[in-house]
Every structure is written in C-alpha cells, then in structure tokens.
Protein backbone atom coordinates (compact mmCIF):
# COMPACT_ATOMS: atom_id res chain seq x y z
CA MET A 1 82.52 119.54 116.44
CA ILE A 2 86.66 119.84 116.26
CA ALA A 3 87.76 121.23 113.08
CA PRO A 4 89.87 119.09 111.40
CA LEU A 5 93.92 119.64 110.96
CA THR A 6 96.06 119.75 107.90
CA VAL A 7 99.45 118.76 108.06
CA ASP A 8 100.93 120.52 105.34
CA LEU A 9 103.92 118.76 103.59
CA GLY A 10 103.34 119.91 99.84
CA GLN A 11 102.83 116.59 98.15
CA ARG A 12 102.52 114.45 101.35
CA SER A 13 100.00 116.63 102.97
CA TYR A 14 97.16 114.75 105.12
CA PRO A 15 94.54 115.94 107.50
CA ILE A 16 93.60 114.95 110.93
CA PHE A 17 90.09 114.14 111.58
CA PHE A 18 88.44 114.68 114.95
CA GLY A 19 85.21 113.22 116.10
CA GLU A 20 83.69 111.24 119.16
CA ASP A 21 82.45 108.57 117.03
CA LEU A 22 83.85 108.73 113.13
CA SER A 23 82.99 104.80 112.34
CA ALA A 24 80.48 106.26 109.73
CA ASN A 25 82.79 108.55 108.21
CA LEU A 26 85.73 106.04 107.97
CA ALA A 27 83.17 102.85 106.63
CA ARG A 28 82.12 105.56 104.00
CA LYS A 29 86.13 106.37 103.08
CA MET A 30 86.83 102.61 102.73
CA GLY A 31 83.69 101.94 100.75
CA GLU A 32 85.09 104.99 98.54
CA LEU A 33 88.59 103.02 98.24
CA GLN A 34 87.01 99.57 97.35
CA GLU A 35 84.92 101.41 95.00
CA ALA A 36 87.94 102.59 93.34
CA GLY A 37 89.12 98.85 93.06
CA ARG A 38 92.02 99.42 95.59
CA LYS A 39 92.66 96.41 98.01
CA LEU A 40 92.16 97.48 101.70
CA VAL A 41 93.72 95.29 104.76
CA ILE A 42 93.57 96.57 108.78
CA ILE A 43 96.30 95.61 110.97
CA THR A 44 94.98 95.87 114.93
CA ASP A 45 96.08 93.75 118.14
CA ASP A 46 94.59 91.43 120.00
CA ALA A 47 93.45 93.61 123.05
CA VAL A 48 91.71 96.13 120.39
CA CYS A 49 89.71 93.82 118.89
CA ARG A 50 88.33 92.54 122.17
CA ALA A 51 87.57 96.36 123.56
CA GLN A 52 86.46 97.62 119.84
CA ALA A 53 84.66 94.79 118.46
CA THR A 54 82.01 96.97 117.49
CA PHE A 55 83.76 99.69 116.09
CA LEU A 56 86.11 97.61 113.92
CA ALA A 57 82.93 95.63 112.33
CA LYS A 58 81.42 98.73 111.29
CA ILE A 59 84.30 99.82 109.60
CA ALA A 60 85.43 96.52 108.31
CA GLY A 61 82.91 95.20 106.65
CA ASP A 62 84.38 92.12 104.37
CA ILE A 63 88.03 93.73 104.75
CA PRO A 64 90.92 91.59 105.43
CA VAL A 65 92.15 92.02 109.16
CA PHE A 66 95.50 91.00 110.62
CA GLU A 67 95.87 90.78 114.05
CA VAL A 68 99.42 91.20 115.92
CA PRO A 69 99.46 90.25 120.05
CA SER A 70 99.09 93.62 121.94
CA GLY A 71 102.55 94.98 123.11
CA GLU A 72 105.62 96.62 122.32
CA LYS A 73 107.45 93.10 121.73
CA SER A 74 105.52 92.87 118.19
CA LYS A 75 107.57 96.12 116.99
CA SER A 76 109.91 92.94 115.80
CA ALA A 77 111.28 91.88 112.46
CA VAL A 78 109.45 88.49 113.16
CA LYS A 79 105.76 90.48 113.04
CA LEU A 80 106.78 93.02 110.11
CA GLY A 81 107.46 89.43 108.24
CA GLU A 82 104.17 88.06 109.07
CA ILE A 83 102.26 91.09 107.75
CA TRP A 84 104.41 91.41 104.47
CA ASP A 85 103.46 87.33 104.42
CA PHE A 86 99.69 88.35 104.86
CA LEU A 87 99.68 91.51 102.28
CA ALA A 88 101.46 89.16 99.61
CA ALA A 89 98.77 86.49 100.91
CA GLN A 90 95.91 89.06 100.02
CA LYS A 91 97.49 89.99 96.59
CA MET A 92 98.10 93.66 97.57
CA ASP A 93 99.17 95.52 94.61
CA ARG A 94 100.90 99.12 94.58
CA GLY A 95 97.21 101.00 95.14
CA GLY A 96 96.65 98.97 98.15
CA VAL A 97 96.45 100.78 101.61
CA VAL A 98 96.97 99.67 104.92
CA VAL A 99 95.07 100.58 107.78
CA ALA A 100 96.80 101.11 110.97
CA PHE A 101 94.02 100.59 114.06
CA GLY A 102 95.52 100.65 117.14
CA GLY A 103 97.83 102.31 119.38
CA GLY A 104 101.45 103.16 118.83
CA VAL A 105 102.93 99.97 118.26
CA VAL A 106 100.13 99.19 115.59
CA GLY A 107 100.42 102.30 113.65
CA ASP A 108 104.81 102.03 113.71
CA LEU A 109 104.50 98.05 112.45
CA ALA A 110 102.06 98.68 110.32
CA GLY A 111 103.22 102.17 108.72
CA PHE A 112 106.26 100.38 108.35
CA ALA A 113 105.08 97.16 106.56
CA ALA A 114 103.28 99.94 104.33
CA ALA A 115 106.82 102.04 103.81
CA SER A 116 108.38 98.75 102.86
CA TYR A 117 105.94 96.53 100.81
CA LEU A 118 106.41 96.86 97.23
CA ARG A 119 108.88 99.84 97.99
CA GLY A 120 105.52 101.61 99.57
CA VAL A 121 101.51 101.81 99.76
CA ASP A 122 99.42 103.78 101.33
CA PHE A 123 98.27 104.08 104.87
CA VAL A 124 95.68 105.55 107.13
CA GLN A 125 96.29 105.76 110.56
CA VAL A 126 93.23 105.20 113.15
CA PRO A 127 94.84 105.49 116.67
CA SER A 128 93.13 103.90 119.53
CA THR A 129 95.20 105.10 122.64
CA LEU A 130 95.94 108.63 124.02
CA LEU A 131 99.25 108.28 123.41
CA ALA A 132 99.05 107.27 119.54
CA MET A 133 96.61 110.07 119.06
CA VAL A 134 98.71 113.06 120.23
CA ASP A 135 101.83 111.74 119.10
CA SER A 136 102.99 108.58 117.17
CA SER A 137 100.22 108.52 114.96
CA VAL A 138 100.99 111.77 113.39
CA GLY A 139 104.53 112.86 111.42
CA GLY A 140 105.06 109.72 109.48
CA LYS A 141 107.50 107.96 111.40
CA THR A 142 107.59 104.12 111.50
CA GLY A 143 109.50 101.44 112.43
CA ILE A 144 110.35 98.05 114.55
CA ASN A 145 112.65 97.54 117.60
CA LEU A 146 115.64 95.25 117.62
CA GLY A 147 117.54 93.74 120.25
CA ALA A 148 120.03 96.77 120.41
CA GLY A 149 117.74 99.36 120.86
CA LYS A 150 113.96 100.80 120.02
CA ASN A 151 113.18 102.14 116.62
CA LEU A 152 116.83 101.46 115.23
CA VAL A 153 114.72 99.93 111.78
CA GLY A 154 112.28 102.18 110.39
CA ALA A 155 111.21 104.89 107.43
CA PHE A 156 109.62 107.94 107.12
CA HIS A 157 106.56 107.21 105.62
CA GLN A 158 103.53 110.03 106.08
CA PRO A 159 100.00 108.30 106.53
CA GLN A 160 96.96 109.47 104.07
CA GLU A 161 94.83 110.46 106.58
CA VAL A 162 94.33 110.23 110.23
CA TYR A 163 91.33 109.41 112.10
CA VAL A 164 91.24 110.60 116.05
CA VAL A 165 88.00 108.81 117.39
CA THR A 166 87.89 110.20 121.00
CA ASP A 167 85.28 108.08 122.00
CA LEU A 168 87.70 105.16 121.52
CA LEU A 169 89.61 105.96 125.16
CA LYS A 170 86.58 105.13 127.00
CA THR A 171 87.82 101.53 126.99
CA LEU A 172 91.02 102.13 127.45
CA PRO A 173 92.74 100.92 130.80
CA ASP A 174 93.77 103.80 133.37
CA ARG A 175 97.25 102.89 132.79
CA GLU A 176 97.40 103.15 129.51
CA PHE A 177 95.28 106.90 129.14
CA ALA A 178 98.15 107.56 132.02
CA ALA A 179 101.07 106.66 129.56
CA GLY A 180 99.41 108.94 126.91
CA MET A 181 99.62 111.94 129.46
CA ALA A 182 103.37 111.48 129.70
CA GLU A 183 103.20 112.87 125.45
CA VAL A 184 100.59 115.28 126.34
CA ILE A 185 102.61 116.84 129.03
CA LYS A 186 105.91 116.81 127.08
CA TYR A 187 104.17 119.09 124.69
CA GLY A 188 103.71 121.56 127.23
CA LEU A 189 106.96 121.47 128.54
CA LEU A 190 109.01 121.90 125.02
CA GLY A 191 106.63 124.64 123.84
CA ASP A 192 103.19 125.10 125.20
CA GLU A 193 103.73 127.01 128.89
CA ALA A 194 99.70 127.30 128.64
CA LEU A 195 99.06 124.06 128.07
CA PHE A 196 101.68 122.72 131.37
CA THR A 197 100.23 125.62 133.21
CA GLN A 198 96.19 124.14 132.63
CA LEU A 199 97.76 120.65 133.33
CA GLU A 200 98.86 122.16 136.70
CA THR A 201 95.50 123.33 137.49
CA ARG A 202 93.73 120.53 136.52
CA SER A 203 94.55 116.54 135.70
CA LEU A 204 93.39 115.56 132.50
CA THR A 205 90.95 112.50 132.47
CA VAL A 206 88.97 110.45 129.87
CA GLY A 207 85.78 112.79 131.43
CA SER A 208 87.23 115.67 131.33
CA LEU A 209 85.40 118.37 128.63
CA ALA A 210 88.96 119.91 127.54
CA LEU A 211 90.37 116.14 126.42
CA ALA A 212 89.24 116.66 122.76
CA ALA A 213 90.52 119.98 122.65
CA VAL A 214 93.74 119.31 124.14
CA VAL A 215 94.40 116.31 121.87
CA ARG A 216 94.13 118.56 118.88
CA GLN A 217 96.40 121.01 120.43
CA CYS A 218 99.05 118.50 120.49
CA CYS A 219 98.48 117.22 116.92
CA ALA A 220 98.51 120.54 115.78
CA ALA A 221 102.24 121.39 117.78
CA LYS A 222 103.43 118.06 116.09
CA ALA A 223 102.11 119.55 112.86
CA ARG A 224 103.71 122.48 113.17
CA ILE A 225 107.10 121.05 114.16
CA VAL A 226 107.04 118.27 111.68
CA GLU A 227 105.96 120.82 108.82
CA ALA A 228 109.80 122.49 109.52
CA ASP A 229 111.53 119.68 110.23
CA GLU A 230 110.09 116.66 108.54
CA PHE A 231 113.09 114.49 108.20
CA GLU A 232 114.65 115.60 111.42
CA THR A 233 117.81 117.29 109.59
CA ALA A 234 117.69 120.34 111.76
CA GLU A 235 121.48 121.24 112.61
CA SER A 236 119.63 122.07 116.33
CA GLY A 237 116.02 122.00 117.44
CA GLY A 238 113.72 120.91 114.95
CA ARG A 239 111.95 117.77 114.75
CA ALA A 240 114.35 116.34 117.43
CA LEU A 241 112.72 118.36 120.44
CA LEU A 242 110.12 115.84 120.03
CA ASN A 243 112.39 113.80 121.65
CA LEU A 244 112.22 115.28 125.29
CA GLY A 245 112.57 112.65 127.65
CA HIS A 246 113.08 110.18 125.06
CA THR A 247 116.94 109.39 124.90
CA PHE A 248 116.33 108.18 128.93
CA ALA A 249 113.07 106.58 127.97
CA HIS A 250 114.01 104.52 125.24
CA ALA A 251 117.33 102.94 127.63
CA ILE A 252 114.65 102.37 130.34
CA GLU A 253 112.69 100.34 127.76
CA LYS A 254 115.73 98.44 126.40
CA VAL A 255 117.40 97.39 129.99
CA ALA A 256 114.08 96.68 131.65
CA GLY A 257 113.02 94.32 128.63
CA PHE A 258 110.48 95.83 125.91
CA GLY A 259 107.07 95.97 127.55
CA VAL A 260 108.17 95.78 131.15
CA TYR A 261 107.22 100.09 131.30
CA LEU A 262 104.89 101.08 128.86
CA HIS A 263 106.52 103.95 126.19
CA GLY A 264 104.47 106.91 128.38
CA GLU A 265 105.63 105.12 131.80
CA ALA A 266 109.14 105.56 130.60
CA VAL A 267 108.96 108.98 128.89
CA ALA A 268 107.45 109.96 132.04
CA VAL A 269 110.67 109.03 134.31
CA GLY A 270 112.74 110.59 131.31
CA LEU A 271 111.12 113.85 131.39
CA ALA A 272 111.94 113.98 135.10
CA ALA A 273 115.36 112.80 134.23
CA ALA A 274 115.75 116.04 131.67
CA ALA A 275 114.37 118.11 133.49
CA ARG A 276 116.67 117.10 136.47
CA LEU A 277 119.51 117.44 133.71
CA SER A 278 118.65 120.78 132.48
CA HIS A 279 118.77 121.85 136.39
CA ARG A 280 122.13 120.39 136.62
CA LEU A 281 123.44 122.47 133.65
CA GLY A 282 122.28 125.54 135.22
CA LEU A 283 119.47 126.10 132.64
CA VAL A 284 116.54 125.53 134.98
CA ASP A 285 116.24 126.23 138.75
CA ALA A 286 115.18 123.48 140.91
CA THR A 287 111.43 124.59 141.58
CA VAL A 288 111.02 123.74 137.71
CA VAL A 289 112.22 120.44 138.42
CA GLY A 290 109.41 120.30 141.37
CA ARG A 291 107.12 121.56 138.97
CA VAL A 292 107.47 118.73 136.16
CA GLU A 293 107.94 116.12 138.73
CA LYS A 294 104.36 116.92 140.54
CA VAL A 295 102.43 117.20 136.89
CA LEU A 296 103.69 113.56 136.43
CA GLU A 297 102.66 112.21 139.80
CA THR A 298 99.00 113.92 139.71
CA HIS A 299 99.03 112.20 136.38
CA GLN A 300 99.45 108.66 137.96
CA LEU A 301 102.96 108.51 135.95
CA PRO A 302 106.45 107.67 137.63
CA VAL A 303 109.20 109.94 138.31
CA ARG A 304 111.80 107.41 139.12
CA LEU A 305 112.33 103.72 138.02
CA ARG A 306 110.15 101.59 139.68
CA GLU A 307 113.04 99.10 140.60
CA SER A 308 116.83 99.55 140.32
CA MET A 309 118.60 99.21 136.96
CA ASP A 310 122.06 98.73 136.66
CA ARG A 311 123.41 102.67 135.41
CA GLY A 312 126.36 101.06 133.28
CA ALA A 313 123.80 99.18 131.56
CA LEU A 314 122.00 102.37 130.82
CA MET A 315 124.44 104.10 129.63
CA THR A 316 125.24 101.70 127.51
CA ALA A 317 122.23 101.33 126.05
CA MET A 318 121.97 105.06 125.30
CA SER A 319 125.22 105.02 122.84
CA SER A 320 123.27 102.93 120.73
CA ASP A 321 120.30 104.83 120.38
CA LYS A 322 118.93 106.22 117.09
CA LYS A 323 120.06 110.01 118.00
CA VAL A 324 123.59 109.40 118.45
CA ARG A 325 125.76 111.84 115.61
CA ALA A 326 129.28 111.74 115.24
CA GLY A 327 129.74 109.40 118.19
CA ARG A 328 127.52 112.30 120.41
CA LEU A 329 124.50 111.79 122.05
CA ARG A 330 122.12 114.50 121.44
CA PHE A 331 119.86 115.39 124.46
CA VAL A 332 116.78 117.86 124.53
CA VAL A 333 117.24 120.06 127.66
CA MET A 334 114.52 122.48 129.23
CA THR A 335 115.82 126.28 129.48
CA GLY A 336 112.33 126.82 130.85
CA VAL A 337 108.81 125.83 131.12
CA GLY A 338 107.67 125.51 127.66
CA LEU A 339 110.90 126.45 126.32
CA SER A 340 113.52 123.49 125.20
CA ALA A 341 116.58 123.14 123.32
CA THR A 342 118.98 120.45 121.65
CA LYS A 343 122.50 119.74 123.38
CA ASP A 344 125.20 117.55 122.41
CA ASP A 345 127.90 118.74 124.93
CA VAL A 346 126.60 117.07 127.96
CA ALA A 347 129.32 115.46 129.88
CA GLN A 348 129.00 111.94 130.78
CA ALA A 349 129.24 112.46 134.55
CA ASP A 350 126.13 114.51 134.63
CA VAL A 351 124.32 111.83 132.94
CA ALA A 352 125.52 109.15 135.11
CA ALA A 353 124.70 111.67 138.37
CA VAL A 354 121.09 112.27 136.57
CA TRP A 355 120.51 108.31 136.42
CA SER A 356 121.55 108.03 139.99
CA GLU A 357 118.89 110.60 141.00
CA VAL A 358 116.24 108.76 139.15
CA GLY A 359 116.93 105.49 140.82
CA ALA A 360 119.67 103.77 138.85
CA THR A 361 122.69 102.26 140.98
C-alpha cells in the first residue's frame, strides 16, 4: 500500500490516492456524493471505454457517461462545446462534479469544461495513462488546443481528488506507456538525479516492481513545484521548469499535426533538443547529451524527428507558444543532470541549429 500524497494549496489542497485497484474506493466516493444530492458525470474516451469497461462499470453505476474520440484532436473547442451541452442536458448545477477518466487529453478537456461551466464546478481526476498519472492529472492545468498552437486556451482549476490506479496500466499499449516514460525521465532531468540514475541502471516497464513508487515520486516532485508556484508567475525557475523539453515538443505537435506524435513522443525529442541546447550554451558537456539520449532510446522513445520537418515552420510555431513573454521565448535548460533553470536570452541561431541537429531541414 502506497501512502496518499497531499498537494498543499491552502483552500485548494487535495489528496492523491494510490493503489492497484481503487474501484471500491471510487464507487464509495461517488455514492457519497450522490447521496449528498450532487450531480455527477463521467467524461472519458472511446479507447478507455473499451479497455476499461469492467472498471468503468464498477465506478459508474447510474452516473451519465460522455465519451469523446481518443486522441489529441479531441482537445478542441468543438468537443468542449459538446461537453458543455451535455452538462446542461444533465441539469448540472454548481454542486455538480465532473469525473475525468482517461489520459491527458480527457483530463485537460474535462478539467477545462469543469473550470468554465457555470464559472466553475468541482472535478475529480482518474488518470488511465502513465503520462497522466505522473504529470497532467496533478497541478490543475486544464485546456484545449487551437490551430495556432497547443494549450493556448485554458484555466488553472485544481481537482478535488486524484485517484492513481496502477492496474489500469496493464491494458495500456506499449507506445502509450513509452510516451509516459518521457515525463518520468523529465522529472529525473529537472530535479532528481537519483531517479535519472535509476532509469539509466534499469528500464522501467509495466511489470516493474518499482513502478508504483516511481509514479508517486514523480507526483510528489510535481506537487512541490506547484505548491511553490501554482500559477507559474515566478520570474525564474518555479513551475516553468516543468516545461523542460516542451517548448520544442509543442512546436513538433503543431507542425506535424496534432495526434501524429503522441505528446510524450514529442517531449522525448524535446528533451533531446533541450540537452543539445544546454550543451550548445556551454551549460553541460557532451556526455550529458549522450546520457539523455541513451535513456530515452532505452525506453523506446525517439530522440530525433521521425521525418524531416521544415525548420522555419517549427521556429514560427515556437513564437506562438504560450511561454513567450514580452516577445521573448523562455526555454528550460539543464545545468547538470537533475539540475535545471529557465533562460529567455537564447539566440535564435542556437535554437535553429538545435532543430537541425534533431532532424529539421
């Protein structure tokens, strides 16, 4: 049994529960909320419905379920509008609760629906993918994509509770598990050298005895960062450090077309690019770049673009990223393994050179 974890945000604090099978706990919680007269809905996707039909049946009971197509394209204004209409049709009031059961797409989409419907209703996260468990379900960032870029519309809206059910990972496709490992590796690189070294020594798989402990370790790391800088307002460092590799990754996702790369796959290339940028800036030596790329490849992740992309298009996509401040793009760089910092005075020539190194033309 792994001990629960609290994200300490004052009145917005909430627990994260961990377990192999928390269906009974969830069903009991749902029943308590219904007995209190609170309206519940579950938002999920078609892939989760198929893979986790038994688990969903255990927790849902007579709770209405809204299903979206799996994949990044569902993080759209169209699907958001459909969920709003669904909530209205269910006569959800301000005492209602939205339950997000799925990966990062479902969590971001359902969370933003909860943040915006009736100016905000409660929601609960039940992540079904490794990536969502270690990263997107914790911290309260919700949102959707626009044609101009990823996550450009959204809100900070903390969940009431998070249930991390590790047995759900047993049906996760290998590609999705690998994508989640990109975020695990990120946590090692940005602030936990021991975790990174552990991943160098032995690769993590669904069957690894250490998996549950590593998931909690990542959640704890994110909780500490979010507690210190909930709304990402720190002048340097702070919550922005969680974007290590993501400035590159979001550009890849936009230019390739949302869904071509899984988010974690784009992050993996982004981490390799961030390591190369850090080396180019004289912050780490070449051996660090090699270590980063070896760990990514060991966990079945790409370190270069699968197919060449236009470097100019990638640079343009970066310029519309939400991390631009006063016209300057903020990068997260490595100053060592397990050490990171934000930097906003990076020369465009250095960024362009890194894009070339990872396969852009």
